[in-house]
């Protein structure tokens, strides 16, 4: 006799050994561009500032519901803004971001209500745009326009 192996018959599907299910392949996380992150930061600042501005307007006295009140509140937020805290983690950074955003939002509201406040809104918007390009409140142009906004506020008193 020969030592042949017996012929193997096909294995029916229900008797086939179960193969483990394939694990899903996770796609690599897309990289966020610096511009997209900067845009998201700016939008967040504006929304946060607008929220703070609305809260101040709703909770304050009736004189705060006009353009002069918005300008006064914008200047108050700006006077409490510490540029060096803007990049600080924690509550100091959050306060700086929200005060800067509130000053921008409230000055825009004041300018919409009375054209005499347009220079304040323009100065703060210029600071915001310059800061978005440089990410540095120490930049000479940013400092110059921030000082201009403070001067406009001083002249309003």
C-alpha atoms as a PDB file:
ATOM      1  CA  UNK A   1       0.000   0.000   0.000  1.00  0.00           C
ATOM      2  CA  UNK A   2       1.077   3.485  -0.567  1.00  0.00           C
ATOM      3  CA  UNK A   3       1.273   6.142   2.048  1.00  0.00           C
ATOM      4  CA  UNK A   4      -0.979   8.631   0.402  1.00  0.00           C
ATOM      5  CA  UNK A   5      -2.929  11.173   2.321  1.00  0.00           C
ATOM      6  CA  UNK A   6      -6.663  10.814   2.040  1.00  0.00           C
ATOM      7  CA  UNK A   7      -8.207  13.377  -0.285  1.00  0.00           C
ATOM      8  CA  UNK A   8      -9.696  16.234   1.593  1.00  0.00           C
ATOM      9  CA  UNK A   9     -13.240  17.104   0.876  1.00  0.00           C
ATOM     10  CA  UNK A  10     -14.404  20.715   0.854  1.00  0.00           C
ATOM     11  CA  UNK A  11     -15.483  21.998   4.245  1.00  0.00           C
ATOM     12  CA  UNK A  12     -19.099  23.108   4.337  1.00  0.00           C
ATOM     13  CA  UNK A  13     -19.542  26.846   5.188  1.00  0.00           C
ATOM     14  CA  UNK A  14     -21.304  26.150   8.452  1.00  0.00           C
ATOM     15  CA  UNK A  15     -18.416  23.985   9.602  1.00  0.00           C
ATOM     16  CA  UNK A  16     -15.692  26.457   8.581  1.00  0.00           C
ATOM     17  CA  UNK A  17     -13.700  27.910  11.456  1.00  0.00           C
ATOM     18  CA  UNK A  18     -14.874  31.418  12.274  1.00  0.00           C
ATOM     19  CA  UNK A  19     -12.357  34.046  11.381  1.00  0.00           C
ATOM     20  CA  UNK A  20     -12.091  36.998  13.696  1.00  0.00           C
ATOM     21  CA  UNK A  21     -13.835  40.129  12.408  1.00  0.00           C
ATOM     22  CA  UNK A  22     -11.533  42.660  10.838  1.00  0.00           C
ATOM     23  CA  UNK A  23     -10.816  45.590  13.094  1.00  0.00           C
ATOM     24  CA  UNK A  24     -11.855  48.927  11.571  1.00  0.00           C
ATOM     25  CA  UNK A  25      -8.946  50.982  10.425  1.00  0.00           C
ATOM     26  CA  UNK A  26      -9.011  54.468  11.911  1.00  0.00           C
ATOM     27  CA  UNK A  27      -8.155  57.220   9.503  1.00  0.00           C
ATOM     28  CA  UNK A  28      -5.445  59.562  10.698  1.00  0.00           C
ATOM     29  CA  UNK A  29      -6.806  62.744  12.217  1.00  0.00           C
ATOM     30  CA  UNK A  30      -6.723  65.610   9.737  1.00  0.00           C
ATOM     31  CA  UNK A  31      -4.247  68.344  10.575  1.00  0.00           C
ATOM     32  CA  UNK A  32      -5.761  71.692  11.369  1.00  0.00           C
ATOM     33  CA  UNK A  33      -4.212  74.590   9.569  1.00  0.00           C
ATOM     34  CA  UNK A  34      -2.989  77.536  11.660  1.00  0.00           C
ATOM     35  CA  UNK A  35      -5.359  79.818   9.766  1.00  0.00           C
ATOM     36  CA  UNK A  36      -8.341  77.650  10.632  1.00  0.00           C
ATOM     37  CA  UNK A  37      -7.322  77.657  14.288  1.00  0.00           C
ATOM     38  CA  UNK A  38      -6.851  81.437  14.228  1.00  0.00           C
ATOM     39  CA  UNK A  39     -10.247  81.897  12.598  1.00  0.00           C
ATOM     40  CA  UNK A  40     -11.847  79.655  15.210  1.00  0.00           C
ATOM     41  CA  UNK A  41     -10.142  81.635  17.974  1.00  0.00           C
ATOM     42  CA  UNK A  42     -11.387  84.946  16.572  1.00  0.00           C
ATOM     43  CA  UNK A  43     -14.933  83.638  16.206  1.00  0.00           C
ATOM     44  CA  UNK A  44     -14.777  82.331  19.778  1.00  0.00           C
ATOM     45  CA  UNK A  45     -13.577  85.674  21.058  1.00  0.00           C
ATOM     46  CA  UNK A  46     -16.333  87.543  19.264  1.00  0.00           C
ATOM     47  CA  UNK A  47     -19.031  85.159  20.446  1.00  0.00           C
ATOM     48  CA  UNK A  48     -17.708  85.256  23.998  1.00  0.00           C
ATOM     49  CA  UNK A  49     -17.494  89.028  23.924  1.00  0.00           C
ATOM     50  CA  UNK A  50     -20.966  89.326  22.493  1.00  0.00           C
ATOM     51  CA  UNK A  51     -22.289  87.050  25.227  1.00  0.00           C
ATOM     52  CA  UNK A  52     -20.626  89.124  27.914  1.00  0.00           C
ATOM     53  CA  UNK A  53     -21.923  92.300  26.294  1.00  0.00           C
ATOM     54  CA  UNK A  54     -25.467  90.984  26.171  1.00  0.00           C
ATOM     55  CA  UNK A  55     -25.236  89.884  29.802  1.00  0.00           C
ATOM     56  CA  UNK A  56     -24.051  93.344  30.823  1.00  0.00           C
ATOM     57  CA  UNK A  57     -26.756  95.049  28.791  1.00  0.00           C
ATOM     58  CA  UNK A  58     -29.534  92.863  30.192  1.00  0.00           C
ATOM     59  CA  UNK A  59     -28.430  93.001  33.811  1.00  0.00           C
ATOM     60  CA  UNK A  60     -27.444  96.661  33.938  1.00  0.00           C
ATOM     61  CA  UNK A  61     -29.517  99.760  34.449  1.00  0.00           C
ATOM     62  CA  UNK A  62     -31.568 101.283  31.628  1.00  0.00           C
ATOM     63  CA  UNK A  63     -28.869 103.846  30.769  1.00  0.00           C
ATOM     64  CA  UNK A  64     -26.655 100.960  29.610  1.00  0.00           C
ATOM     65  CA  UNK A  65     -29.169 100.125  26.876  1.00  0.00           C
ATOM     66  CA  UNK A  66     -28.097 102.955  24.598  1.00  0.00           C
ATOM     67  CA  UNK A  67     -25.036 103.636  22.453  1.00  0.00           C
ATOM     68  CA  UNK A  68     -23.376 105.753  25.142  1.00  0.00           C
ATOM     69  CA  UNK A  69     -23.810 102.947  27.675  1.00  0.00           C
ATOM     70  CA  UNK A  70     -22.346 100.418  25.244  1.00  0.00           C
ATOM     71  CA  UNK A  71     -19.361 102.677  24.587  1.00  0.00           C
ATOM     72  CA  UNK A  72     -18.861 103.219  28.315  1.00  0.00           C
ATOM     73  CA  UNK A  73     -19.031  99.457  28.942  1.00  0.00           C
ATOM     74  CA  UNK A  74     -16.632  98.791  26.047  1.00  0.00           C
ATOM     75  CA  UNK A  75     -14.153 101.194  27.598  1.00  0.00           C
ATOM     76  CA  UNK A  76     -14.668  99.616  31.012  1.00  0.00           C
ATOM     77  CA  UNK A  77     -13.905  96.163  29.563  1.00  0.00           C
ATOM     78  CA  UNK A  78     -10.884  97.578  27.738  1.00  0.00           C
ATOM     79  CA  UNK A  79      -9.546  99.210  30.906  1.00  0.00           C
ATOM     80  CA  UNK A  80      -9.646  95.826  32.645  1.00  0.00           C
ATOM     81  CA  UNK A  81      -7.937  94.066  29.727  1.00  0.00           C
ATOM     82  CA  UNK A  82      -4.343  93.017  30.403  1.00  0.00           C
ATOM     83  CA  UNK A  83      -2.636  92.080  27.098  1.00  0.00           C
ATOM     84  CA  UNK A  84       0.078  90.041  28.814  1.00  0.00           C
ATOM     85  CA  UNK A  85      -2.603  87.763  30.309  1.00  0.00           C
ATOM     86  CA  UNK A  86      -4.119  87.015  26.886  1.00  0.00           C
ATOM     87  CA  UNK A  87      -1.976  83.899  26.383  1.00  0.00           C
ATOM     88  CA  UNK A  88      -1.991  82.828  30.041  1.00  0.00           C
ATOM     89  CA  UNK A  89      -3.667  79.509  30.788  1.00  0.00           C
ATOM     90  CA  UNK A  90      -6.418  79.448  33.356  1.00  0.00           C
ATOM     91  CA  UNK A  91      -8.726  82.135  34.649  1.00  0.00           C
ATOM     92  CA  UNK A  92      -6.387  85.074  33.940  1.00  0.00           C
ATOM     93  CA  UNK A  93      -6.258  84.130  30.267  1.00  0.00           C
ATOM     94  CA  UNK A  94     -10.016  83.588  30.092  1.00  0.00           C
ATOM     95  CA  UNK A  95     -10.644  86.981  31.668  1.00  0.00           C
ATOM     96  CA  UNK A  96      -8.305  88.712  29.215  1.00  0.00           C
ATOM     97  CA  UNK A  97      -9.842  86.987  26.181  1.00  0.00           C
ATOM     98  CA  UNK A  98     -13.391  87.786  27.278  1.00  0.00           C
ATOM     99  CA  UNK A  99     -12.674  91.406  28.180  1.00  0.00           C
ATOM    100  CA  UNK A 100     -10.991  92.001  24.833  1.00  0.00           C
ATOM    101  CA  UNK A 101     -13.892  90.340  23.012  1.00  0.00           C
ATOM    102  CA  UNK A 102     -16.446  92.272  25.059  1.00  0.00           C
ATOM    103  CA  UNK A 103     -14.730  95.578  24.295  1.00  0.00           C
ATOM    104  CA  UNK A 104     -14.843  94.789  20.572  1.00  0.00           C
ATOM    105  CA  UNK A 105     -18.487  93.656  20.605  1.00  0.00           C
ATOM    106  CA  UNK A 106     -19.719  96.537  22.759  1.00  0.00           C
ATOM    107  CA  UNK A 107     -17.840  99.147  20.729  1.00  0.00           C
ATOM    108  CA  UNK A 108     -19.431  97.742  17.553  1.00  0.00           C
ATOM    109  CA  UNK A 109     -22.840  97.967  19.217  1.00  0.00           C
ATOM    110  CA  UNK A 110     -22.165 101.554  20.283  1.00  0.00           C
ATOM    111  CA  UNK A 111     -21.048 102.486  16.760  1.00  0.00           C
ATOM    112  CA  UNK A 112     -24.184 100.917  15.289  1.00  0.00           C
ATOM    113  CA  UNK A 113     -26.289 103.035  17.642  1.00  0.00           C
ATOM    114  CA  UNK A 114     -24.395 106.312  17.232  1.00  0.00           C
ATOM    115  CA  UNK A 115     -21.803 107.233  14.610  1.00  0.00           C
ATOM    116  CA  UNK A 116     -19.737 109.200  17.149  1.00  0.00           C
ATOM    117  CA  UNK A 117     -18.502 105.841  18.527  1.00  0.00           C
ATOM    118  CA  UNK A 118     -17.255 104.543  15.163  1.00  0.00           C
ATOM    119  CA  UNK A 119     -13.639 105.597  15.858  1.00  0.00           C
ATOM    120  CA  UNK A 120     -13.605 103.422  18.993  1.00  0.00           C
ATOM    121  CA  UNK A 121     -15.054 100.443  17.131  1.00  0.00           C
ATOM    122  CA  UNK A 122     -12.636 100.964  14.242  1.00  0.00           C
ATOM    123  CA  UNK A 123      -9.622 101.210  16.561  1.00  0.00           C
ATOM    124  CA  UNK A 124     -10.544  98.005  18.397  1.00  0.00           C
ATOM    125  CA  UNK A 125     -11.297  96.151  15.169  1.00  0.00           C
ATOM    126  CA  UNK A 126      -7.896  97.250  13.850  1.00  0.00           C
ATOM    127  CA  UNK A 127      -6.235  95.919  17.015  1.00  0.00           C
ATOM    128  CA  UNK A 128      -8.098  92.630  16.622  1.00  0.00           C
ATOM    129  CA  UNK A 129      -7.085  92.255  12.962  1.00  0.00           C
ATOM    130  CA  UNK A 130      -3.451  93.139  13.639  1.00  0.00           C
ATOM    131  CA  UNK A 131      -3.324  90.751  16.583  1.00  0.00           C
ATOM    132  CA  UNK A 132      -4.833  87.984  14.421  1.00  0.00           C
ATOM    133  CA  UNK A 133      -1.938  88.458  11.980  1.00  0.00           C
ATOM    134  CA  UNK A 134       0.865  88.690  14.540  1.00  0.00           C
ATOM    135  CA  UNK A 135      -0.494  86.905  17.652  1.00  0.00           C
ATOM    136  CA  UNK A 136       1.528  89.468  19.605  1.00  0.00           C
ATOM    137  CA  UNK A 137       0.124  92.345  21.643  1.00  0.00           C
ATOM    138  CA  UNK A 138       3.729  93.531  21.956  1.00  0.00           C
ATOM    139  CA  UNK A 139       3.870  94.268  18.218  1.00  0.00           C
ATOM    140  CA  UNK A 140       4.420  98.004  17.669  1.00  0.00           C
ATOM    141  CA  UNK A 141       1.354  98.449  15.423  1.00  0.00           C
ATOM    142  CA  UNK A 142      -0.876  96.497  17.794  1.00  0.00           C
ATOM    143  CA  UNK A 143       0.380  98.534  20.765  1.00  0.00           C
ATOM    144  CA  UNK A 144      -0.100 101.800  18.864  1.00  0.00           C
ATOM    145  CA  UNK A 145      -3.717 101.034  17.979  1.00  0.00           C
ATOM    146  CA  UNK A 146      -4.481  99.662  21.430  1.00  0.00           C
ATOM    147  CA  UNK A 147      -3.175 102.936  22.890  1.00  0.00           C
ATOM    148  CA  UNK A 148      -5.370 104.801  20.387  1.00  0.00           C
ATOM    149  CA  UNK A 149      -8.437 102.883  21.626  1.00  0.00           C
ATOM    150  CA  UNK A 150      -7.524 103.716  25.241  1.00  0.00           C
ATOM    151  CA  UNK A 151      -7.140 107.389  24.270  1.00  0.00           C
ATOM    152  CA  UNK A 152     -10.554 107.411  22.597  1.00  0.00           C
ATOM    153  CA  UNK A 153     -12.009 105.957  25.796  1.00  0.00           C
ATOM    154  CA  UNK A 154     -10.252 108.605  27.890  1.00  0.00           C
ATOM    155  CA  UNK A 155     -11.719 111.302  25.650  1.00  0.00           C
ATOM    156  CA  UNK A 156     -15.246 109.916  26.107  1.00  0.00           C
ATOM    157  CA  UNK A 157     -15.212 110.582  29.864  1.00  0.00           C
END
